[in-house]
C-alpha atoms as a PDB file:
ATOM      1  CA  MET A   1       0.000   0.000   0.000  1.00  0.00           C
ATOM      2  CA  GLN A   2       1.366   3.380  -0.964  1.00  0.00           C
ATOM      3  CA  SER A   3       1.613   6.081   1.627  1.00  0.00           C
ATOM      4  CA  LEU A   4      -0.662   9.085   1.420  1.00  0.00           C
ATOM      5  CA  ARG A   5       2.330  11.312   0.622  1.00  0.00           C
ATOM      6  CA  HIS A   6       3.379   9.025  -2.222  1.00  0.00           C
ATOM      7  CA  GLN A   7      -0.131   9.133  -3.714  1.00  0.00           C
ATOM      8  CA  ARG A   8      -0.329  12.905  -3.395  1.00  0.00           C
ATOM      9  CA  VAL A   9       3.065  13.395  -5.073  1.00  0.00           C
ATOM     10  CA  ARG A  10       1.982  11.069  -7.923  1.00  0.00           C
ATOM     11  CA  GLU A  11      -1.194  13.072  -8.510  1.00  0.00           C
ATOM     12  CA  LEU A  12       0.688  16.368  -8.307  1.00  0.00           C
ATOM     13  CA  LEU A  13       3.254  15.176 -10.853  1.00  0.00           C
ATOM     14  CA  LYS A  14       0.502  13.875 -13.135  1.00  0.00           C
ATOM     15  CA  ARG A  15      -1.285  17.228 -13.092  1.00  0.00           C
ATOM     16  CA  GLU A  16       1.872  19.346 -13.530  1.00  0.00           C
ATOM     17  CA  ILE A  17       3.386  17.206 -16.297  1.00  0.00           C
ATOM     18  CA  GLY A  18       0.062  17.298 -18.146  1.00  0.00           C
ATOM     19  CA  GLU A  19      -0.017  21.079 -17.877  1.00  0.00           C
ATOM     20  CA  ILE A  20       3.602  21.405 -19.051  1.00  0.00           C
ATOM     21  CA  ILE A  21       2.949  19.165 -22.055  1.00  0.00           C
ATOM     22  CA  ARG A  22      -0.209  21.102 -22.908  1.00  0.00           C
ATOM     23  CA  ARG A  23       1.716  24.395 -22.805  1.00  0.00           C
ATOM     24  CA  GLU A  24       5.044  23.376 -24.316  1.00  0.00           C
ATOM     25  CA  VAL A  25       4.387  20.648 -26.907  1.00  0.00           C
ATOM     26  CA  ALA A  26       2.690  21.674 -30.159  1.00  0.00           C
ATOM     27  CA  SER A  27      -0.233  19.351 -30.835  1.00  0.00           C
ATOM     28  CA  GLY A  28      -0.110  19.609 -34.657  1.00  0.00           C
ATOM     29  CA  ASP A  29       2.523  16.986 -35.424  1.00  0.00           C
ATOM     30  CA  ALA A  30       2.215  15.112 -32.141  1.00  0.00           C
ATOM     31  CA  GLY A  31      -1.547  14.656 -31.923  1.00  0.00           C
ATOM     32  CA  LEU A  32      -3.315  15.224 -28.609  1.00  0.00           C
ATOM     33  CA  ILE A  33      -1.140  14.055 -25.704  1.00  0.00           C
ATOM     34  CA  THR A  34      -2.685  13.219 -22.331  1.00  0.00           C
ATOM     35  CA  VAL A  35      -1.021  12.024 -19.149  1.00  0.00           C
ATOM     36  CA  ASN A  36      -2.936   8.939 -18.011  1.00  0.00           C
ATOM     37  CA  ASP A  37      -0.854   7.975 -14.991  1.00  0.00           C
ATOM     38  CA  VAL A  38       2.500   8.403 -13.308  1.00  0.00           C
ATOM     39  CA  GLY A  39       4.380   5.506 -11.771  1.00  0.00           C
ATOM     40  CA  LEU A  40       6.640   6.818  -9.048  1.00  0.00           C
ATOM     41  CA  ALA A  41       9.579   5.005  -7.460  1.00  0.00           C
ATOM     42  CA  GLY A  42       9.561   4.559  -3.699  1.00  0.00           C
ATOM     43  CA  ASP A  43      12.428   7.021  -3.262  1.00  0.00           C
ATOM     44  CA  LEU A  44      10.618   9.606  -5.486  1.00  0.00           C
ATOM     45  CA  GLN A  45      13.711   9.968  -7.694  1.00  0.00           C
ATOM     46  CA  SER A  46      12.336   8.433 -10.884  1.00  0.00           C
ATOM     47  CA  ALA A  47       8.925   8.449 -12.525  1.00  0.00           C
ATOM     48  CA  THR A  48       7.376   6.629 -15.457  1.00  0.00           C
ATOM     49  CA  VAL A  49       4.848   8.830 -17.229  1.00  0.00           C
ATOM     50  CA  PHE A  50       2.137   6.892 -19.070  1.00  0.00           C
ATOM     51  CA  VAL A  51       0.827   9.022 -21.935  1.00  0.00           C
ATOM     52  CA  GLY A  52      -2.066   8.529 -24.304  1.00  0.00           C
ATOM     53  CA  ILE A  53      -1.732  10.047 -27.756  1.00  0.00           C
ATOM     54  CA  VAL A  54      -4.853  10.646 -29.836  1.00  0.00           C
ATOM     55  CA  GLY A  55      -4.153  10.804 -33.548  1.00  0.00           C
ATOM     56  CA  THR A  56      -2.880   8.748 -36.432  1.00  0.00           C
ATOM     57  CA  SER A  57      -0.182   6.135 -35.874  1.00  0.00           C
ATOM     58  CA  ASP A  58       2.340   8.552 -37.402  1.00  0.00           C
ATOM     59  CA  GLN A  59       1.268  11.283 -34.948  1.00  0.00           C
ATOM     60  CA  GLN A  60       1.500   8.824 -32.052  1.00  0.00           C
ATOM     61  CA  ARG A  61       5.028   7.860 -33.048  1.00  0.00           C
ATOM     62  CA  LYS A  62       6.078  11.499 -33.497  1.00  0.00           C
ATOM     63  CA  GLY A  63       4.432  12.488 -30.211  1.00  0.00           C
ATOM     64  CA  LEU A  64       6.409   9.907 -28.262  1.00  0.00           C
ATOM     65  CA  GLU A  65       9.626  10.924 -30.055  1.00  0.00           C
ATOM     66  CA  ILE A  66       9.021  14.581 -29.161  1.00  0.00           C
ATOM     67  CA  LEU A  67       8.406  13.710 -25.510  1.00  0.00           C
ATOM     68  CA  LYS A  68      11.577  11.650 -25.326  1.00  0.00           C
ATOM     69  CA  LYS A  69      13.589  14.397 -27.041  1.00  0.00           C
ATOM     70  CA  GLU A  70      12.157  17.117 -24.761  1.00  0.00           C
ATOM     71  CA  ARG A  71      12.435  15.020 -21.577  1.00  0.00           C
ATOM     72  CA  LEU A  72      15.163  17.094 -19.935  1.00  0.00           C
ATOM     73  CA  ARG A  73      13.394  20.379 -20.661  1.00  0.00           C
ATOM     74  CA  ILE A  74      10.089  19.038 -19.316  1.00  0.00           C
ATOM     75  CA  GLN A  75      11.935  17.701 -16.276  1.00  0.00           C
ATOM     76  CA  GLY A  76      13.496  21.141 -15.682  1.00  0.00           C
ATOM     77  CA  LEU A  77      10.136  22.897 -15.953  1.00  0.00           C
ATOM     78  CA  LEU A  78       8.676  20.346 -13.558  1.00  0.00           C
ATOM     79  CA  GLY A  79      11.488  21.029 -11.084  1.00  0.00           C
ATOM     80  CA  ARG A  80      10.602  24.722 -11.081  1.00  0.00           C
ATOM     81  CA  ALA A  81       6.869  24.054 -10.714  1.00  0.00           C
ATOM     82  CA  VAL A  82       7.012  21.386  -7.971  1.00  0.00           C
ATOM     83  CA  VAL A  83       9.120  21.766  -4.849  1.00  0.00           C
ATOM     84  CA  LEU A  84      10.641  18.401  -3.953  1.00  0.00           C
ATOM     85  CA  LYS A  85      14.048  17.467  -2.588  1.00  0.00           C
ATOM     86  CA  TYR A  86      14.827  15.723  -5.893  1.00  0.00           C
ATOM     87  CA  THR A  87      13.093  16.264  -9.204  1.00  0.00           C
ATOM     88  CA  PRO A  88      12.193  12.786 -10.474  1.00  0.00           C
ATOM     89  CA  ARG A  89      13.934  11.543 -13.604  1.00  0.00           C
ATOM     90  CA  LEU A  90      11.135  11.165 -16.155  1.00  0.00           C
ATOM     91  CA  ARG A  91      10.601   8.312 -18.578  1.00  0.00           C
ATOM     92  CA  PHE A  92       7.745   8.505 -21.095  1.00  0.00           C
ATOM     93  CA  VAL A  93       5.839   5.369 -22.102  1.00  0.00           C
ATOM     94  CA  ARG A  94       2.867   5.163 -24.473  1.00  0.00           C
ATOM     95  CA  ASP A  95      -0.187   3.847 -22.621  1.00  0.00           C
ATOM     96  CA  ASP A  96      -2.446   1.787 -24.847  1.00  0.00           C
ATOM     97  CA  SER A  97      -4.764   0.540 -22.085  1.00  0.00           C
ATOM     98  CA  ILE A  98      -7.719   2.547 -23.425  1.00  0.00           C
ATOM     99  CA  GLU A  99      -7.288   1.015 -26.886  1.00  0.00           C
ATOM    100  CA  ARG A 100      -7.066  -2.486 -25.370  1.00  0.00           C
ATOM    101  CA  GLY A 101     -10.183  -1.815 -23.284  1.00  0.00           C
ATOM    102  CA  ASN A 102     -12.091  -0.649 -26.365  1.00  0.00           C
ATOM    103  CA  ARG A 103     -11.006  -3.795 -28.211  1.00  0.00           C
ATOM    104  CA  VAL A 104     -12.313  -6.005 -25.372  1.00  0.00           C
ATOM    105  CA  LEU A 105     -15.649  -4.160 -25.448  1.00  0.00           C
ATOM    106  CA  GLN A 106     -15.817  -4.603 -29.216  1.00  0.00           C
ATOM    107  CA  ILE A 107     -15.216  -8.360 -28.878  1.00  0.00           C
ATOM    108  CA  LEU A 108     -17.932  -8.626 -26.220  1.00  0.00           C
ATOM    109  CA  GLU A 109     -20.405  -6.801 -28.472  1.00  0.00           C
ATOM    110  CA  GLU A 110     -19.583  -9.180 -31.353  1.00  0.00           C
ATOM    111  CA  LEU A 111     -20.162 -12.175 -29.076  1.00  0.00           C
ATOM    112  CA  GLU A 112     -23.533 -10.800 -27.960  1.00  0.00           C
ATOM    113  CA  ARG A 113     -24.631 -10.405 -31.569  1.00  0.00           C
ATOM    114  CA  THR A 114     -23.605 -13.943 -32.574  1.00  0.00           C
ATOM    115  CA  LEU A 115     -25.123 -15.750 -29.584  1.00  0.00           C
ATOM    116  CA  PRO A 116     -28.759 -16.811 -29.966  1.00  0.00           C
ATOM    117  CA  PRO A 117     -31.206 -15.093 -27.582  1.00  0.00           C
ATOM    118  CA  SER A 118     -32.191 -17.241 -24.604  1.00  0.00           C
END
């Protein structure tokens, strides 16, 4: 079980990183980037940022490339916005859980249509 402080820092980082990305990353080439979750190490020194990217597959690829290229700048802006002893080292990962969830729902709908009514 995570401590209350750990949960609060995760939520704070999620909100601030999302705001920084919204302000600093142009959405034209990168599609719409959202921060779905932040995985934070126990010592608060590293964080995995799970991002969802709405757009074509090319935009999704470019969006992740831009985030990885701009990681240090985003990390610096985060350090100025959030007061912690150490600014976590960020790592961006594309989160496809929403797409997988939609696929499961689609499969369930197909099964309902093929099964005879009881």
